[in-house]
Every structure is written in C-alpha cells, then in structure tokens.
Protein backbone atom coordinates (compact mmCIF):
# COMPACT_ATOMS: atom_id res chain seq x y z
CA UNK A 1 1.99 2.14 24.83
CA UNK A 2 1.13 4.88 27.25
CA UNK A 3 -0.03 8.38 26.03
CA UNK A 4 3.41 10.02 26.91
CA UNK A 5 5.41 7.48 24.89
CA UNK A 6 2.79 7.67 21.98
CA UNK A 7 3.10 11.56 22.13
CA UNK A 8 7.00 11.33 21.97
CA UNK A 9 6.88 8.81 19.01
CA UNK A 10 4.45 11.08 17.07
CA UNK A 11 6.52 14.11 17.88
CA UNK A 12 9.66 12.43 16.60
CA UNK A 13 7.92 11.30 13.45
CA UNK A 14 6.64 14.75 12.67
CA UNK A 15 10.03 16.26 13.27
CA UNK A 16 11.57 13.68 10.77
CA UNK A 17 8.96 14.35 8.24
CA UNK A 18 9.39 18.23 8.46
CA UNK A 19 13.21 17.95 8.19
CA UNK A 20 13.03 15.50 5.13
CA UNK A 21 13.25 17.28 1.75
CA UNK A 22 11.30 14.65 -0.13
CA UNK A 23 8.69 12.76 2.17
CA UNK A 24 8.39 9.10 0.96
CA UNK A 25 6.15 7.33 3.39
CA UNK A 26 5.70 3.60 3.90
CA UNK A 27 2.10 3.25 5.24
CA UNK A 28 1.38 0.51 7.77
CA UNK A 29 5.04 -0.52 7.64
CA UNK A 30 5.15 -3.04 10.61
CA UNK A 31 8.87 -3.62 10.94
CA UNK A 32 9.66 -2.79 7.36
CA UNK A 33 12.20 0.04 6.52
CA UNK A 34 13.74 1.18 3.31
CA UNK A 35 16.39 3.57 2.69
CA UNK A 36 15.18 6.94 1.99
CA UNK A 37 11.67 6.21 3.18
CA UNK A 38 9.91 7.02 6.54
CA UNK A 39 8.04 4.13 8.13
CA UNK A 40 4.72 4.68 9.80
CA UNK A 41 2.18 2.50 11.55
CA UNK A 42 -1.42 3.06 12.61
CA UNK A 43 -0.47 4.49 16.00
CA UNK A 44 1.06 7.54 14.28
CA UNK A 45 -0.72 7.57 11.01
CA UNK A 46 -4.06 5.85 10.74
CA UNK A 47 -4.62 6.11 6.87
CA UNK A 48 -8.34 6.60 7.38
CA UNK A 49 -7.93 9.67 9.76
CA UNK A 50 -8.00 13.13 8.48
CA UNK A 51 -6.60 14.25 11.57
CA UNK A 52 -3.51 11.90 11.48
CA UNK A 53 -2.65 13.03 8.07
CA UNK A 54 -2.95 16.72 8.92
CA UNK A 55 -0.95 16.30 12.13
CA UNK A 56 1.86 14.43 10.29
CA UNK A 57 2.03 16.39 7.04
CA UNK A 58 0.34 19.79 7.60
CA UNK A 59 0.55 21.62 4.42
CA UNK A 60 3.31 19.45 2.93
CA UNK A 61 2.74 16.81 0.24
CA UNK A 62 4.45 13.51 0.07
CA UNK A 63 6.58 12.78 -3.10
CA UNK A 64 5.81 9.02 -2.73
CA UNK A 65 3.50 6.73 -0.72
CA UNK A 66 3.46 3.00 -0.61
CA UNK A 67 1.71 0.17 1.29
CA UNK A 68 2.40 -3.55 1.04
CA UNK A 69 -0.49 -5.82 2.27
CA UNK A 70 -2.31 -3.14 4.29
CA UNK A 71 -5.33 -2.32 2.13
CA UNK A 72 -7.01 -5.66 2.40
CA UNK A 73 -7.37 -5.00 6.14
CA UNK A 74 -9.56 -1.95 5.37
CA UNK A 75 -13.34 -2.43 4.81
CA UNK A 76 -15.09 -0.58 1.90
CA UNK A 77 -15.76 2.66 3.90
CA UNK A 78 -12.15 2.69 5.35
CA UNK A 79 -10.79 2.14 1.77
CA UNK A 80 -12.54 5.11 0.42
CA UNK A 81 -11.18 7.28 3.14
CA UNK A 82 -7.63 5.93 2.71
CA UNK A 83 -7.67 6.42 -0.97
CA UNK A 84 -9.06 10.02 -0.53
CA UNK A 85 -6.45 11.01 1.96
CA UNK A 86 -3.56 9.40 -0.01
CA UNK A 87 -4.74 11.56 -2.94
CA UNK A 88 -5.10 14.60 -0.90
CA UNK A 89 -1.63 14.35 0.71
CA UNK A 90 0.25 13.21 -2.30
CA UNK A 91 2.09 15.78 -4.51
CA UNK A 92 0.81 16.23 -8.03
CA UNK A 93 2.58 13.84 -10.54
CA UNK A 94 3.48 11.43 -7.71
CA UNK A 95 2.40 8.04 -6.94
CA UNK A 96 0.92 5.64 -4.37
CA UNK A 97 2.23 2.08 -4.79
CA UNK A 98 -0.19 -0.50 -3.33
CA UNK A 99 0.39 -4.23 -3.04
CA UNK A 100 -2.32 -6.61 -1.82
CA UNK A 101 -3.23 -10.31 -2.13
CA UNK A 102 -4.27 -11.16 -5.62
CA UNK A 103 -7.84 -12.61 -5.72
CA UNK A 104 -7.38 -13.81 -9.16
CA UNK A 105 -4.38 -16.08 -8.31
CA UNK A 106 -5.28 -19.51 -9.96
CA UNK A 107 -4.00 -21.60 -6.96
CA UNK A 108 -6.70 -22.66 -4.61
CA UNK A 109 -4.19 -22.94 -1.84
CA UNK A 110 -3.17 -19.45 -2.17
CA UNK A 111 -6.69 -18.19 -2.20
CA UNK A 112 -7.54 -20.28 0.82
CA UNK A 113 -4.50 -18.64 2.46
CA UNK A 114 -5.17 -15.02 1.79
CA UNK A 115 -9.00 -14.64 1.51
CA UNK A 116 -10.81 -13.07 4.22
CA UNK A 117 -11.06 -15.49 7.10
CA UNK A 118 -8.30 -17.53 5.41
CA UNK A 119 -5.68 -19.80 6.79
CA UNK A 120 -2.76 -17.42 6.40
CA UNK A 121 -1.13 -15.11 8.94
CA UNK A 122 -3.36 -12.02 9.31
CA UNK A 123 -6.11 -13.33 6.99
CA UNK A 124 -8.46 -13.39 9.89
CA UNK A 125 -8.59 -9.67 9.62
CA UNK A 126 -8.79 -9.42 5.89
CA UNK A 127 -11.87 -7.62 4.76
CA UNK A 128 -11.44 -7.40 0.92
CA UNK A 129 -10.33 -9.79 -1.71
CA UNK A 130 -8.88 -7.66 -4.41
CA UNK A 131 -8.21 -8.13 -8.07
CA UNK A 132 -7.05 -5.62 -10.62
CA UNK A 133 -10.51 -4.76 -11.62
CA UNK A 134 -11.94 -3.69 -8.21
CA UNK A 135 -8.61 -2.20 -7.07
CA UNK A 136 -8.40 -0.07 -10.31
CA UNK A 137 -12.09 1.04 -10.03
CA UNK A 138 -11.69 2.13 -6.47
CA UNK A 139 -8.48 4.20 -7.27
CA UNK A 140 -9.96 5.73 -10.36
CA UNK A 141 -13.00 6.84 -8.60
CA UNK A 142 -10.83 8.69 -6.22
CA UNK A 143 -9.00 10.60 -9.13
CA UNK A 144 -5.86 8.38 -9.60
CA UNK A 145 -4.68 7.09 -12.91
CA UNK A 146 -3.50 3.43 -12.37
CA UNK A 147 -0.69 1.44 -13.80
CA UNK A 148 -0.89 -2.26 -13.19
CA UNK A 149 2.73 -3.66 -12.44
CA UNK A 150 1.78 -7.28 -11.58
CA UNK A 151 -1.52 -9.13 -11.62
CA UNK A 152 -3.42 -12.21 -12.44
CA UNK A 153 -6.36 -12.19 -14.93
CA UNK A 154 -9.45 -14.09 -15.18
CA UNK A 155 -7.91 -16.67 -17.57
CA UNK A 156 -5.17 -17.62 -15.18
CA UNK A 157 -2.61 -15.56 -16.93
CA UNK A 158 -0.06 -13.63 -14.94
CA UNK A 159 0.95 -10.11 -16.27
CA UNK A 160 4.00 -8.04 -15.09
CA UNK A 161 6.27 -5.29 -16.07
CA UNK A 162 9.89 -4.86 -14.82
CA UNK A 163 9.11 -2.22 -12.43
CA UNK A 164 11.89 -0.72 -10.13
CA UNK A 165 11.92 -0.17 -6.50
CA UNK A 166 12.10 3.75 -6.80
CA UNK A 167 8.37 4.16 -5.94
CA UNK A 168 8.68 1.49 -3.13
CA UNK A 169 10.13 -1.95 -2.76
CA UNK A 170 7.61 -4.75 -2.58
CA UNK A 171 8.92 -8.01 -1.01
CA UNK A 172 5.85 -10.15 -1.80
CA UNK A 173 6.35 -9.79 -5.61
CA UNK A 174 7.23 -11.96 -8.58
CA UNK A 175 10.93 -10.91 -8.43
CA UNK A 176 11.66 -10.75 -4.69
CA UNK A 177 9.41 -13.36 -2.81
CA UNK A 178 11.54 -16.32 -1.91
CA UNK A 179 8.59 -18.80 -2.74
CA UNK A 180 9.15 -17.86 -6.39
CA UNK A 181 12.67 -18.84 -6.61
CA UNK A 182 11.96 -22.46 -8.01
CA UNK A 183 10.61 -21.12 -11.19
CA UNK A 184 7.08 -21.21 -10.11
CA UNK A 185 4.80 -18.20 -8.96
CA UNK A 186 4.20 -19.51 -5.47
CA UNK A 187 3.39 -16.18 -4.02
CA UNK A 188 2.64 -13.05 -5.83
CA UNK A 189 0.76 -9.84 -5.22
CA UNK A 190 -1.59 -7.44 -7.11
CA UNK A 191 0.80 -4.44 -7.49
CA UNK A 192 -0.41 -1.12 -8.72
CA UNK A 193 0.96 2.45 -9.01
CA UNK A 194 -1.70 5.07 -8.55
CA UNK A 195 -0.65 8.49 -9.87
CA UNK A 196 -2.13 11.89 -8.98
CA UNK A 197 -2.48 13.86 -12.13
CA UNK A 198 -0.55 17.15 -12.60
CA UNK A 199 -2.85 20.22 -12.60
CA UNK A 200 -3.98 21.46 -15.96
C-alpha cells in the first residue's frame, strides 16, 4: 500500500472512531468484522505503538477492546507495550477480551499445531505459548483484573463460563468453533476478560 492510500485509510478510520459514540475496537482483526465494532489492523493501529494509539483515539477512551489470536504473535517486550496501551486507552470499568491458543490443551496434535514454529497456519510467527497462568500474570502486572472465560488447567481439565459476545465474539471457542461440533473439544482458545478498575 502506498503512502497516500495508507493516509486515506487512517484518516477514514480516525473519522469513524471520532464519530462513534462508544468506541469498540477489534485489534488485529484481519478480515473479521462484528456489528457495533470497528476493525483495525497493524497498518492503522500497531498495538505496541504509543503514536498509533494517540493518533487514532487522542483523548478518547475505548469502551471495549478485543483481540482473537493476536497476542501470541508478540514477543515479551511487545506484549508489555500492548498491555500497557490497552490499559491506558480503555475507559475505567471496561474490558479487553483476549483469545490466544491454549498452551495447556491436552492434545499433542493441538500443541504441535499452535506452538511457536508449529505446523499450523501462522504458527511460524508465534512468539509465546500462553496458558492461564502466564496470561493472567502479565495482565495483572499491568493493572488489569482478570476473569478466565475458557482455559485448560495442568490436569487436563477444561474450564469455562457461559460468556456472551457483548465484550467481543470469539470464533475459536468451545461454543463457536466448528471443530467442536462432534462433542469433542478439537479446538479451543484461552479466553480472558481483562478489566480496568474504576478509579477510587
């Protein structure tokens, strides 16, 4: 994309954000779109860039953020920056919903598919294998309160709550992934809501 087309794309996105009463952003959306949400990709919003967040939102704060299978493409330094800017640009009391491949999934085939350098689509660019422990620790160190929506534990037990799509729809989940329709959990994600506390 040449610089002029990128400028126009960014300008249109900024205009949309500033005309929208409640800003709900899909981060690293690819072709994904959801009603009531604004889709963004790295060319217009690099989640690790303070300048990109400032250019897009200015003094506004998002009412919801979500990213499905994006955070595993960030290294540790990038993750710390992304978490920090999400916290900074999220309105108090609102949530960031994250879904990533689950590093405690008991299937060796699943792990081979999603691990960094794995056999799955995009796994050659995966940097981190998340589980509920390291994901929670990183988000809490940023200041978020974390609610676990779907995850595997160390004993091979799957945990979930009946979450809604209000804070972001996750396709690669227990309920919505087609690979789980035969009564087995063929493909799930670690899914969390990270909430920014209200000021005291």
